[in-house]
Amino acid sequence: MVGIVILVVVVLAVLWAIGIYNNLVRLRNNRENAFANIDVQLKQRHDLIPQLVETVRGYATHEKEVFEKVTAARAAAMGANTIDDKIEAENALTSALQGLKVSVEAYPELKANQNFLQLQTELSDIENKLAAVRRFFNSATKEFNNAVQTFPSNIFANMFGFKRESMIEVPEEQRADYDRAPEVKF
C-alpha cells in the first residue's frame, strides 16, 4: 500500500514538472511568434523605405547625410539575426526615419506631392501596426519572464536553460520626444 502511495506521488510530481516545462516552452514559443509578427511588419517597412527615400531625394538633393543614415540603418536592420540585434537595429532605423521626417519639413512642395503623401500614409500605417505588434511582443515577453522568474517554475527554467528575455523599449534618445508635447502649426 505504501509503495502505491509513493508511486502515485512520484507520478504526480513528474506530471507537475512536465506541466511546468511545457508551459515554459509554450510561453517561449508565444514570444517567438509575437516577434515573427513584428518581422512581417518590418519587412513591409524595409520594402517601403527605399521608395520613400527616392521620392524625398528628388526634392532634397543636399540632404545626403540623412539619406545615408536611413539607408545604413535599413541595411543593418535587414541584416540583424537575433531578436535582440533586431530590436537594437530597428531602434536605430526609427531614429534615422525621424531625421528624415525633420528634413522633409523644409520642403513644402514635397509635402504636397501625391507619391510622397501616399508613401507617408503607408509608412504611418506600418508604424501603427508595428506599435501594436510590439505591444503584443512585450506582453508575451512579460508573461514568459514572469514564468521564468517566479517560484516554482524558476527552478525548472534554470534547469532547462530558460532565461529572462529583453523587451522592446524606447531608446533613451527618443524618450525626450515622447515626453514633449507635440507642436501644432498652421
Protein backbone atom coordinates (compact mmCIF):
# COMPACT_ATOMS: atom_id res chain seq x y z
CA MET A 1 0.00 0.00 0.00
CA VAL A 2 2.81 2.44 0.90
CA GLY A 3 4.53 1.59 -2.39
CA ILE A 4 1.42 2.56 -4.35
CA VAL A 5 1.14 5.89 -2.50
CA ILE A 6 4.82 6.66 -3.18
CA LEU A 7 4.37 5.70 -6.84
CA VAL A 8 1.30 7.97 -7.13
CA VAL A 9 3.20 10.87 -5.50
CA VAL A 10 6.17 10.36 -7.83
CA VAL A 11 3.90 10.17 -10.90
CA LEU A 12 2.06 13.34 -9.81
CA ALA A 13 5.38 15.15 -9.23
CA VAL A 14 6.63 14.11 -12.66
CA LEU A 15 3.36 15.22 -14.31
CA TRP A 16 3.56 18.54 -12.43
CA ALA A 17 7.17 19.08 -13.62
CA ILE A 18 6.18 18.20 -17.18
CA GLY A 19 3.32 20.71 -16.97
CA ILE A 20 5.66 23.49 -15.83
CA TYR A 21 8.20 22.65 -18.54
CA ASN A 22 5.52 22.57 -21.25
CA ASN A 23 4.16 25.90 -20.05
CA LEU A 24 7.63 27.46 -20.32
CA VAL A 25 8.01 26.09 -23.85
CA ARG A 26 4.53 27.36 -24.79
CA LEU A 27 5.35 30.84 -23.44
CA ARG A 28 8.72 30.94 -25.24
CA ASN A 29 7.03 29.91 -28.50
CA ASN A 30 4.34 32.55 -27.98
CA ARG A 31 7.07 35.19 -27.60
CA GLU A 32 8.83 33.97 -30.75
CA ASN A 33 5.52 34.02 -32.64
CA ALA A 34 4.94 37.57 -31.45
CA PHE A 35 8.32 38.57 -32.85
CA ALA A 36 7.51 36.80 -36.12
CA ASN A 37 4.52 39.16 -36.40
CA ILE A 38 6.90 42.07 -35.90
CA ASP A 39 9.14 40.65 -38.64
CA VAL A 40 6.23 40.76 -41.11
CA GLN A 41 5.66 44.44 -40.40
CA LEU A 42 9.39 45.16 -40.50
CA LYS A 43 9.64 43.53 -43.94
CA GLN A 44 6.92 45.86 -45.22
CA ARG A 45 8.68 48.80 -43.60
CA HIS A 46 12.02 47.83 -45.15
CA ASP A 47 10.41 47.49 -48.60
CA LEU A 48 8.75 50.89 -48.31
CA ILE A 49 11.79 52.88 -47.14
CA PRO A 50 13.73 52.89 -50.45
CA GLN A 51 10.65 54.27 -52.22
CA LEU A 52 10.24 56.96 -49.61
CA VAL A 53 13.94 57.87 -49.70
CA GLU A 54 13.96 58.14 -53.50
CA THR A 55 10.85 60.31 -53.51
CA VAL A 56 12.32 62.66 -50.93
CA ARG A 57 15.75 62.59 -52.60
CA GLY A 58 14.23 64.07 -55.74
CA TYR A 59 13.35 67.17 -53.76
CA ALA A 60 16.05 67.32 -51.13
CA THR A 61 19.23 66.66 -53.06
CA HIS A 62 21.53 68.23 -50.45
CA GLU A 63 20.28 66.06 -47.54
CA LYS A 64 22.83 63.36 -48.36
CA GLU A 65 23.73 62.56 -44.73
CA VAL A 66 20.08 61.91 -43.80
CA PHE A 67 19.64 59.50 -46.71
CA GLU A 68 22.87 57.70 -45.87
CA LYS A 69 21.77 57.24 -42.25
CA VAL A 70 18.38 55.87 -43.28
CA THR A 71 19.92 53.56 -45.88
CA ALA A 72 22.61 52.31 -43.48
CA ALA A 73 20.10 51.80 -40.67
CA ARG A 74 17.78 49.87 -43.01
CA ALA A 75 20.66 47.65 -44.13
CA ALA A 76 21.66 46.99 -40.52
CA ALA A 77 18.06 46.19 -39.60
CA MET A 78 17.69 43.78 -42.51
CA GLY A 79 20.99 42.08 -41.59
CA ALA A 80 20.19 41.60 -37.89
CA ASN A 81 19.71 37.96 -36.96
CA THR A 82 18.82 37.63 -33.29
CA ILE A 83 15.78 39.18 -31.65
CA ASP A 84 17.99 41.45 -29.52
CA ASP A 85 20.01 42.56 -32.58
CA LYS A 86 16.80 43.28 -34.48
CA ILE A 87 15.42 45.32 -31.60
CA GLU A 88 18.60 47.44 -31.48
CA ALA A 89 18.78 47.86 -35.27
CA GLU A 90 15.10 48.80 -35.54
CA ASN A 91 15.52 51.44 -32.84
CA ALA A 92 18.35 52.94 -34.91
CA LEU A 93 16.18 52.83 -38.05
CA THR A 94 13.32 54.54 -36.24
CA SER A 95 15.70 57.28 -35.16
CA ALA A 96 17.01 57.69 -38.72
CA LEU A 97 13.46 57.89 -40.08
CA GLN A 98 12.70 60.65 -37.58
CA GLY A 99 15.67 62.54 -39.03
CA LEU A 100 14.17 62.09 -42.48
CA LYS A 101 10.84 63.46 -41.27
CA VAL A 102 12.59 66.56 -39.90
CA SER A 103 14.34 67.22 -43.21
CA VAL A 104 11.04 66.87 -45.09
CA GLU A 105 9.66 69.82 -43.12
CA ALA A 106 11.97 72.11 -45.10
CA TYR A 107 10.28 71.21 -48.42
CA PRO A 108 6.64 72.36 -48.59
CA GLU A 109 6.33 71.28 -52.25
CA LEU A 110 7.38 67.74 -51.25
CA LYS A 111 4.70 67.58 -48.58
CA ALA A 112 2.11 68.26 -51.29
CA ASN A 113 3.46 65.59 -53.69
CA GLN A 114 0.94 62.75 -54.13
CA ASN A 115 3.58 60.00 -54.24
CA PHE A 116 5.12 61.29 -51.04
CA LEU A 117 1.75 61.59 -49.33
CA GLN A 118 0.86 58.02 -50.28
CA LEU A 119 4.22 56.70 -49.06
CA GLN A 120 3.91 58.71 -45.87
CA THR A 121 0.43 57.28 -45.26
CA GLU A 122 1.69 53.73 -45.86
CA LEU A 123 4.65 54.28 -43.56
CA SER A 124 2.38 55.71 -40.89
CA ASP A 125 0.09 52.68 -41.23
CA ILE A 126 3.03 50.30 -40.91
CA GLU A 127 4.36 52.21 -37.89
CA ASN A 128 0.93 51.92 -36.23
CA LYS A 129 0.83 48.19 -36.92
CA LEU A 130 4.38 47.86 -35.61
CA ALA A 131 3.38 49.62 -32.41
CA ALA A 132 0.52 47.15 -31.94
CA VAL A 133 2.63 44.02 -32.56
CA ARG A 134 5.42 45.42 -30.37
CA ARG A 135 2.91 45.78 -27.52
CA PHE A 136 1.85 42.17 -28.07
CA PHE A 137 5.50 41.08 -28.15
CA ASN A 138 6.24 42.91 -24.90
CA SER A 139 3.17 41.34 -23.32
CA ALA A 140 4.28 37.86 -24.42
CA THR A 141 7.80 38.59 -23.17
CA LYS A 142 6.48 39.78 -19.80
CA GLU A 143 4.40 36.63 -19.42
CA PHE A 144 7.41 34.47 -20.31
CA ASN A 145 9.71 36.40 -17.96
CA ASN A 146 7.19 36.08 -15.12
CA ALA A 147 7.16 32.31 -15.58
CA VAL A 148 10.97 32.17 -15.73
CA GLN A 149 11.38 34.28 -12.60
CA THR A 150 8.58 33.08 -10.30
CA PHE A 151 8.62 30.10 -7.99
CA PRO A 152 8.41 27.15 -8.64
CA SER A 153 8.77 27.44 -12.40
CA ASN A 154 12.06 29.35 -11.98
CA ILE A 155 13.65 26.14 -10.70
CA PHE A 156 12.75 24.29 -13.89
CA ALA A 157 13.60 27.33 -16.02
CA ASN A 158 17.13 27.35 -14.62
CA MET A 159 17.49 23.58 -15.02
CA PHE A 160 16.43 23.66 -18.67
CA GLY A 161 18.18 26.86 -19.74
CA PHE A 162 15.20 29.21 -19.98
CA LYS A 163 16.34 32.76 -19.23
CA ARG A 164 14.81 36.18 -18.89
CA GLU A 165 14.35 37.83 -22.30
CA SER A 166 14.51 41.50 -23.24
CA MET A 167 11.56 43.62 -24.26
CA ILE A 168 11.35 46.28 -26.93
CA GLU A 169 11.88 49.62 -25.23
CA VAL A 170 12.07 53.19 -26.41
CA PRO A 171 15.74 54.23 -26.69
CA GLU A 172 16.87 56.95 -24.29
CA GLU A 173 17.49 59.47 -27.10
CA GLN A 174 13.84 59.12 -28.20
CA ARG A 175 12.32 59.37 -24.70
CA ALA A 176 12.63 63.16 -24.75
CA ASP A 177 10.46 63.27 -27.89
CA TYR A 178 7.74 61.27 -26.14
CA ASP A 179 7.85 63.43 -23.02
CA ARG A 180 7.45 66.67 -25.01
CA ALA A 181 4.01 67.78 -26.17
CA PRO A 182 3.65 67.83 -29.98
CA GLU A 183 3.76 71.19 -31.73
CA VAL A 184 0.73 72.16 -33.75
CA LYS A 185 1.43 74.54 -36.64
CA PHE A 186 -0.97 76.10 -39.09
